[in-house]
Amino acid sequence: DEVAPGKGAFLVAEDTESGRALGCGAIRVLTPD
């Protein structure tokens, strides 16, 4: 729920050649700013 649309995001970096996931990161909104 913390990374749901409008509240945050979970992103994955993929190698464009192999499609293999190389890493990830997330953001979650804590306060309006």
All heavy atoms as atom14 arrays in JSON, in Angstrom:
{
  "sequence": "DEVAPGKGAFLVAEDTESGRALGCGAIRVLTPD",
  "atom14_mask": [
    [1, 1, 1, 1, 1, 1, 1, 1, 0, 0, 0, 0, 0, 0],
    [1, 1, 1, 1, 1, 1, 1, 1, 1, 0, 0, 0, 0, 0],
    [1, 1, 1, 1, 1, 1, 1, 0, 0, 0, 0, 0, 0, 0],
    [1, 1, 1, 1, 1, 0, 0, 0, 0, 0, 0, 0, 0, 0],
    [1, 1, 1, 1, 1, 1, 1, 0, 0, 0, 0, 0, 0, 0],
    [1, 1, 1, 1, 0, 0, 0, 0, 0, 0, 0, 0, 0, 0],
    [1, 1, 1, 1, 1, 1, 1, 1, 1, 0, 0, 0, 0, 0],
    [1, 1, 1, 1, 0, 0, 0, 0, 0, 0, 0, 0, 0, 0],
    [1, 1, 1, 1, 1, 0, 0, 0, 0, 0, 0, 0, 0, 0],
    [1, 1, 1, 1, 1, 1, 1, 1, 1, 1, 1, 0, 0, 0],
    [1, 1, 1, 1, 1, 1, 1, 1, 0, 0, 0, 0, 0, 0],
    [1, 1, 1, 1, 1, 1, 1, 0, 0, 0, 0, 0, 0, 0],
    [1, 1, 1, 1, 1, 0, 0, 0, 0, 0, 0, 0, 0, 0],
    [1, 1, 1, 1, 1, 1, 1, 1, 1, 0, 0, 0, 0, 0],
    [1, 1, 1, 1, 1, 1, 1, 1, 0, 0, 0, 0, 0, 0],
    [1, 1, 1, 1, 1, 1, 1, 0, 0, 0, 0, 0, 0, 0],
    [1, 1, 1, 1, 1, 1, 1, 1, 1, 0, 0, 0, 0, 0],
    [1, 1, 1, 1, 1, 1, 0, 0, 0, 0, 0, 0, 0, 0],
    [1, 1, 1, 1, 0, 0, 0, 0, 0, 0, 0, 0, 0, 0],
    [1, 1, 1, 1, 1, 1, 1, 1, 1, 1, 1, 0, 0, 0],
    [1, 1, 1, 1, 1, 0, 0, 0, 0, 0, 0, 0, 0, 0],
    [1, 1, 1, 1, 1, 1, 1, 1, 0, 0, 0, 0, 0, 0],
    [1, 1, 1, 1, 0, 0, 0, 0, 0, 0, 0, 0, 0, 0],
    [1, 1, 1, 1, 1, 1, 0, 0, 0, 0, 0, 0, 0, 0],
    [1, 1, 1, 1, 0, 0, 0, 0, 0, 0, 0, 0, 0, 0],
    [1, 1, 1, 1, 1, 0, 0, 0, 0, 0, 0, 0, 0, 0],
    [1, 1, 1, 1, 1, 1, 1, 1, 0, 0, 0, 0, 0, 0],
    [1, 1, 1, 1, 1, 1, 1, 1, 1, 1, 1, 0, 0, 0],
    [1, 1, 1, 1, 1, 1, 1, 0, 0, 0, 0, 0, 0, 0],
    [1, 1, 1, 1, 1, 1, 1, 1, 0, 0, 0, 0, 0, 0],
    [1, 1, 1, 1, 1, 1, 1, 0, 0, 0, 0, 0, 0, 0],
    [1, 1, 1, 1, 1, 1, 1, 0, 0, 0, 0, 0, 0, 0],
    [1, 1, 1, 1, 1, 1, 1, 1, 0, 0, 0, 0, 0, 0]
  ],
  "atom14_positions": [
    [[0.82, -1.21, 0.0], [0.0, 0.0, 0.0], [0.85, 1.27, 0.0], [0.46, 2.29, -0.54], [-0.94, 0.0, 1.21], [-1.9, 1.17, 1.19], [-2.61, 1.32, 0.17], [-1.92, 1.94, 2.17], [0.0, 0.0, 0.0], [0.0, 0.0, 0.0], [0.0, 0.0, 0.0], [0.0, 0.0, 0.0], [0.0, 0.0, 0.0], [0.0, 0.0, 0.0]],
    [[2.05, 1.2, 0.59], [2.91, 2.38, 0.68], [3.51, 2.78, -0.67], [3.94, 3.92, -0.84], [4.06, 2.12, 1.67], [3.6, 1.97, 3.09], [4.73, 1.62, 4.03], [5.48, 0.65, 3.75], [4.86, 2.32, 5.05], [0.0, 0.0, 0.0], [0.0, 0.0, 0.0], [0.0, 0.0, 0.0], [0.0, 0.0, 0.0], [0.0, 0.0, 0.0]],
    [[3.54, 1.85, -1.62], [4.08, 2.15, -2.94], [3.0, 2.07, -4.03], [3.31, 1.98, -5.21], [5.28, 1.24, -3.28], [6.44, 1.55, -2.35], [4.92, -0.23, -3.21], [0.0, 0.0, 0.0], [0.0, 0.0, 0.0], [0.0, 0.0, 0.0], [0.0, 0.0, 0.0], [0.0, 0.0, 0.0], [0.0, 0.0, 0.0], [0.0, 0.0, 0.0]],
    [[1.75, 2.14, -3.6], [0.62, 2.14, -4.54], [0.6, 3.45, -5.32], [1.13, 4.47, -4.85], [-0.68, 1.95, -3.77], [0.0, 0.0, 0.0], [0.0, 0.0, 0.0], [0.0, 0.0, 0.0], [0.0, 0.0, 0.0], [0.0, 0.0, 0.0], [0.0, 0.0, 0.0], [0.0, 0.0, 0.0], [0.0, 0.0, 0.0], [0.0, 0.0, 0.0]],
    [[0.0, 3.44, -6.51], [-0.08, 4.68, -7.29], [-0.63, 5.85, -6.45], [-1.59, 5.68, -5.69], [-1.03, 4.31, -8.43], [-0.83, 2.83, -8.6], [-0.61, 2.32, -7.19], [0.0, 0.0, 0.0], [0.0, 0.0, 0.0], [0.0, 0.0, 0.0], [0.0, 0.0, 0.0], [0.0, 0.0, 0.0], [0.0, 0.0, 0.0], [0.0, 0.0, 0.0]],
    [[0.04, 6.98, -6.56], [-0.35, 8.17, -5.82], [0.28, 8.26, -4.43], [0.28, 9.31, -3.81], [0.0, 0.0, 0.0], [0.0, 0.0, 0.0], [0.0, 0.0, 0.0], [0.0, 0.0, 0.0], [0.0, 0.0, 0.0], [0.0, 0.0, 0.0], [0.0, 0.0, 0.0], [0.0, 0.0, 0.0], [0.0, 0.0, 0.0], [0.0, 0.0, 0.0]],
    [[0.83, 7.14, -3.95], [1.45, 7.11, -2.62], [2.95, 6.83, -2.68], [3.67, 7.05, -1.72], [0.82, 6.01, -1.76], [-0.63, 6.26, -1.41], [-1.1, 5.13, -0.53], [-2.54, 5.34, -0.1], [-2.99, 4.26, 0.77], [0.0, 0.0, 0.0], [0.0, 0.0, 0.0], [0.0, 0.0, 0.0], [0.0, 0.0, 0.0], [0.0, 0.0, 0.0]],
    [[3.4, 6.29, -3.79], [4.8, 5.93, -3.93], [5.0, 5.13, -5.19], [4.17, 5.15, -6.1], [0.0, 0.0, 0.0], [0.0, 0.0, 0.0], [0.0, 0.0, 0.0], [0.0, 0.0, 0.0], [0.0, 0.0, 0.0], [0.0, 0.0, 0.0], [0.0, 0.0, 0.0], [0.0, 0.0, 0.0], [0.0, 0.0, 0.0], [0.0, 0.0, 0.0]],
    [[6.11, 4.41, -5.24], [6.43, 3.59, -6.41], [7.49, 2.57, -6.04], [8.3, 2.8, -5.14], [6.94, 4.47, -7.55], [0.0, 0.0, 0.0], [0.0, 0.0, 0.0], [0.0, 0.0, 0.0], [0.0, 0.0, 0.0], [0.0, 0.0, 0.0], [0.0, 0.0, 0.0], [0.0, 0.0, 0.0], [0.0, 0.0, 0.0], [0.0, 0.0, 0.0]],
    [[7.45, 1.45, -6.73], [8.52, 0.46, -6.65], [9.02, 0.27, -8.07], [8.27, -0.12, -8.96], [8.02, -0.87, -6.07], [9.13, -1.87, -5.85], [9.93, -1.78, -4.71], [9.39, -2.86, -6.78], [10.97, -2.68, -4.5], [10.42, -3.76, -6.58], [11.22, -3.67, -5.44], [0.0, 0.0, 0.0], [0.0, 0.0, 0.0], [0.0, 0.0, 0.0]],
    [[10.29, 0.61, -8.29], [10.87, 0.56, -9.63], [11.95, -0.5, -9.71], [12.68, -0.74, -8.75], [11.49, 1.93, -9.99], [10.57, 3.14, -9.92], [11.33, 4.4, -10.32], [9.33, 2.95, -10.8], [0.0, 0.0, 0.0], [0.0, 0.0, 0.0], [0.0, 0.0, 0.0], [0.0, 0.0, 0.0], [0.0, 0.0, 0.0], [0.0, 0.0, 0.0]],
    [[12.05, -1.12, -10.88], [13.07, -2.12, -11.16], [13.87, -1.68, -12.38], [13.3, -1.2, -13.37], [12.43, -3.51, -11.4], [13.44, -4.51, -11.95], [11.82, -4.04, -10.1], [0.0, 0.0, 0.0], [0.0, 0.0, 0.0], [0.0, 0.0, 0.0], [0.0, 0.0, 0.0], [0.0, 0.0, 0.0], [0.0, 0.0, 0.0], [0.0, 0.0, 0.0]],
    [[15.19, -1.83, -12.29], [16.07, -1.6, -13.43], [16.3, -2.94, -14.12], [16.71, -3.91, -13.47], [17.4, -1.01, -12.96], [0.0, 0.0, 0.0], [0.0, 0.0, 0.0], [0.0, 0.0, 0.0], [0.0, 0.0, 0.0], [0.0, 0.0, 0.0], [0.0, 0.0, 0.0], [0.0, 0.0, 0.0], [0.0, 0.0, 0.0], [0.0, 0.0, 0.0]],
    [[16.01, -2.97, -15.41], [16.2, -4.19, -16.21], [17.26, -3.95, -17.27], [17.32, -2.87, -17.86], [14.92, -4.56, -16.95], [13.87, -5.23, -16.16], [12.72, -5.7, -17.05], [12.55, -5.22, -18.19], [11.98, -6.56, -16.58], [0.0, 0.0, 0.0], [0.0, 0.0, 0.0], [0.0, 0.0, 0.0], [0.0, 0.0, 0.0], [0.0, 0.0, 0.0]],
    [[18.06, -4.96, -17.54], [18.99, -4.94, -18.66], [18.15, -5.02, -19.94], [17.35, -5.95, -20.1], [19.94, -6.13, -18.55], [20.97, -6.16, -19.65], [20.62, -6.04, -20.85], [22.16, -6.34, -19.32], [0.0, 0.0, 0.0], [0.0, 0.0, 0.0], [0.0, 0.0, 0.0], [0.0, 0.0, 0.0], [0.0, 0.0, 0.0], [0.0, 0.0, 0.0]],
    [[18.29, -4.06, -20.84], [17.45, -4.04, -22.04], [17.75, -5.21, -22.97], [16.88, -5.61, -23.74], [17.58, -2.71, -22.82], [18.95, -2.5, -23.15], [17.04, -1.56, -22.02], [0.0, 0.0, 0.0], [0.0, 0.0, 0.0], [0.0, 0.0, 0.0], [0.0, 0.0, 0.0], [0.0, 0.0, 0.0], [0.0, 0.0, 0.0], [0.0, 0.0, 0.0]],
    [[18.96, -5.74, -22.92], [19.3, -6.86, -23.8], [18.76, -8.18, -23.28], [18.15, -8.94, -24.01], [20.81, -6.94, -24.01], [21.34, -5.79, -24.83], [22.83, -5.91, -25.08], [23.39, -7.04, -25.0], [23.45, -4.88, -25.35], [0.0, 0.0, 0.0], [0.0, 0.0, 0.0], [0.0, 0.0, 0.0], [0.0, 0.0, 0.0], [0.0, 0.0, 0.0]],
    [[19.0, -8.47, -22.0], [18.62, -9.77, -21.45], [17.25, -9.76, -20.78], [16.67, -10.82, -20.55], [19.67, -10.23, -20.43], [19.63, -9.4, -19.28], [0.0, 0.0, 0.0], [0.0, 0.0, 0.0], [0.0, 0.0, 0.0], [0.0, 0.0, 0.0], [0.0, 0.0, 0.0], [0.0, 0.0, 0.0], [0.0, 0.0, 0.0], [0.0, 0.0, 0.0]],
    [[16.77, -8.58, -20.39], [15.52, -8.5, -19.64], [15.71, -8.85, -18.17], [14.75, -8.86, -17.41], [0.0, 0.0, 0.0], [0.0, 0.0, 0.0], [0.0, 0.0, 0.0], [0.0, 0.0, 0.0], [0.0, 0.0, 0.0], [0.0, 0.0, 0.0], [0.0, 0.0, 0.0], [0.0, 0.0, 0.0], [0.0, 0.0, 0.0], [0.0, 0.0, 0.0]],
    [[16.93, -9.12, -17.75], [17.22, -9.5, -16.37], [17.12, -8.29, -15.45], [17.63, -7.22, -15.74], [18.61, -10.11, -16.28], [19.01, -10.51, -14.87], [20.2, -11.45, -14.9], [20.84, -11.6, -13.61], [20.39, -12.32, -12.61], [19.24, -12.96, -12.73], [21.05, -12.42, -11.47], [0.0, 0.0, 0.0], [0.0, 0.0, 0.0], [0.0, 0.0, 0.0]],
    [[16.47, -8.5, -14.31], [16.37, -7.44, -13.3], [17.75, -7.25, -12.67], [18.4, -8.2, -12.26], [15.35, -7.82, -12.23], [0.0, 0.0, 0.0], [0.0, 0.0, 0.0], [0.0, 0.0, 0.0], [0.0, 0.0, 0.0], [0.0, 0.0, 0.0], [0.0, 0.0, 0.0], [0.0, 0.0, 0.0], [0.0, 0.0, 0.0], [0.0, 0.0, 0.0]],
    [[18.2, -5.99, -12.62], [19.52, -5.65, -12.09], [19.46, -4.98, -10.73], [20.44, -4.98, -9.99], [20.24, -4.72, -13.07], [20.45, -5.26, -14.48], [21.05, -4.18, -15.36], [21.32, -6.51, -14.45], [0.0, 0.0, 0.0], [0.0, 0.0, 0.0], [0.0, 0.0, 0.0], [0.0, 0.0, 0.0], [0.0, 0.0, 0.0], [0.0, 0.0, 0.0]],
    [[18.33, -4.37, -10.4], [18.21, -3.66, -9.14], [16.82, -3.11, -8.95], [15.97, -3.2, -9.85], [0.0, 0.0, 0.0], [0.0, 0.0, 0.0], [0.0, 0.0, 0.0], [0.0, 0.0, 0.0], [0.0, 0.0, 0.0], [0.0, 0.0, 0.0], [0.0, 0.0, 0.0], [0.0, 0.0, 0.0], [0.0, 0.0, 0.0], [0.0, 0.0, 0.0]],
    [[16.61, -2.52, -7.78], [15.3, -1.98, -7.46], [15.41, -0.83, -6.47], [16.47, -0.6, -5.88], [14.4, -3.06, -6.87], [14.99, -3.74, -5.29], [0.0, 0.0, 0.0], [0.0, 0.0, 0.0], [0.0, 0.0, 0.0], [0.0, 0.0, 0.0], [0.0, 0.0, 0.0], [0.0, 0.0, 0.0], [0.0, 0.0, 0.0], [0.0, 0.0, 0.0]],
    [[14.32, -0.14, -6.29], [14.22, 0.91, -5.3], [12.77, 1.35, -5.2], [11.97, 1.13, -6.11], [0.0, 0.0, 0.0], [0.0, 0.0, 0.0], [0.0, 0.0, 0.0], [0.0, 0.0, 0.0], [0.0, 0.0, 0.0], [0.0, 0.0, 0.0], [0.0, 0.0, 0.0], [0.0, 0.0, 0.0], [0.0, 0.0, 0.0], [0.0, 0.0, 0.0]],
    [[12.45, 1.96, -4.08], [11.07, 2.41, -3.85], [11.08, 3.79, -3.23], [12.07, 4.22, -2.64], [10.36, 1.43, -2.91], [0.0, 0.0, 0.0], [0.0, 0.0, 0.0], [0.0, 0.0, 0.0], [0.0, 0.0, 0.0], [0.0, 0.0, 0.0], [0.0, 0.0, 0.0], [0.0, 0.0, 0.0], [0.0, 0.0, 0.0], [0.0, 0.0, 0.0]],
    [[9.97, 4.46, -3.39], [9.7, 5.68, -2.63], [8.32, 5.55, -2.03], [7.43, 4.91, -2.6], [9.78, 6.97, -3.47], [8.87, 6.9, -4.68], [11.21, 7.29, -3.84], [8.68, 8.23, -5.38], [0.0, 0.0, 0.0], [0.0, 0.0, 0.0], [0.0, 0.0, 0.0], [0.0, 0.0, 0.0], [0.0, 0.0, 0.0], [0.0, 0.0, 0.0]],
    [[8.18, 6.12, -0.84], [6.87, 6.19, -0.2], [6.7, 7.61, 0.34], [7.62, 8.17, 0.93], [6.71, 5.15, 0.9], [7.64, 5.35, 2.09], [7.37, 4.35, 3.18], [8.3, 4.53, 4.28], [8.24, 3.89, 5.42], [7.28, 3.0, 5.63], [9.12, 4.12, 6.37], [0.0, 0.0, 0.0], [0.0, 0.0, 0.0], [0.0, 0.0, 0.0]],
    [[5.54, 8.18, 0.09], [5.26, 9.53, 0.57], [5.03, 9.47, 2.07], [4.23, 8.67, 2.55], [4.06, 10.14, -0.17], [3.68, 11.49, 0.43], [4.36, 10.28, -1.66], [0.0, 0.0, 0.0], [0.0, 0.0, 0.0], [0.0, 0.0, 0.0], [0.0, 0.0, 0.0], [0.0, 0.0, 0.0], [0.0, 0.0, 0.0], [0.0, 0.0, 0.0]],
    [[5.75, 10.32, 2.79], [5.59, 10.4, 4.25], [4.67, 11.54, 4.66], [3.85, 11.39, 5.56], [6.95, 10.62, 4.92], [8.0, 9.53, 4.73], [9.31, 9.95, 5.39], [7.51, 8.2, 5.28], [0.0, 0.0, 0.0], [0.0, 0.0, 0.0], [0.0, 0.0, 0.0], [0.0, 0.0, 0.0], [0.0, 0.0, 0.0], [0.0, 0.0, 0.0]],
    [[4.85, 12.7, 4.02], [4.04, 13.89, 4.27], [3.78, 14.53, 2.92], [4.41, 14.13, 1.93], [4.78, 14.91, 5.18], [5.91, 15.44, 4.46], [5.23, 14.27, 6.49], [0.0, 0.0, 0.0], [0.0, 0.0, 0.0], [0.0, 0.0, 0.0], [0.0, 0.0, 0.0], [0.0, 0.0, 0.0], [0.0, 0.0, 0.0], [0.0, 0.0, 0.0]],
    [[2.92, 15.52, 2.82], [2.67, 16.12, 1.51], [3.93, 16.65, 0.81], [3.97, 16.7, -0.41], [1.71, 17.26, 1.83], [0.97, 16.77, 3.03], [2.0, 16.03, 3.85], [0.0, 0.0, 0.0], [0.0, 0.0, 0.0], [0.0, 0.0, 0.0], [0.0, 0.0, 0.0], [0.0, 0.0, 0.0], [0.0, 0.0, 0.0], [0.0, 0.0, 0.0]],
    [[4.97, 16.99, 1.57], [6.17, 17.52, 0.9], [7.4, 16.63, 1.0], [8.46, 16.96, 0.47], [6.5, 18.92, 1.43], [6.91, 18.92, 2.89], [6.72, 17.91, 3.58], [7.44, 19.95, 3.34], [0.0, 0.0, 0.0], [0.0, 0.0, 0.0], [0.0, 0.0, 0.0], [0.0, 0.0, 0.0], [0.0, 0.0, 0.0], [0.0, 0.0, 0.0]]
  ]
}
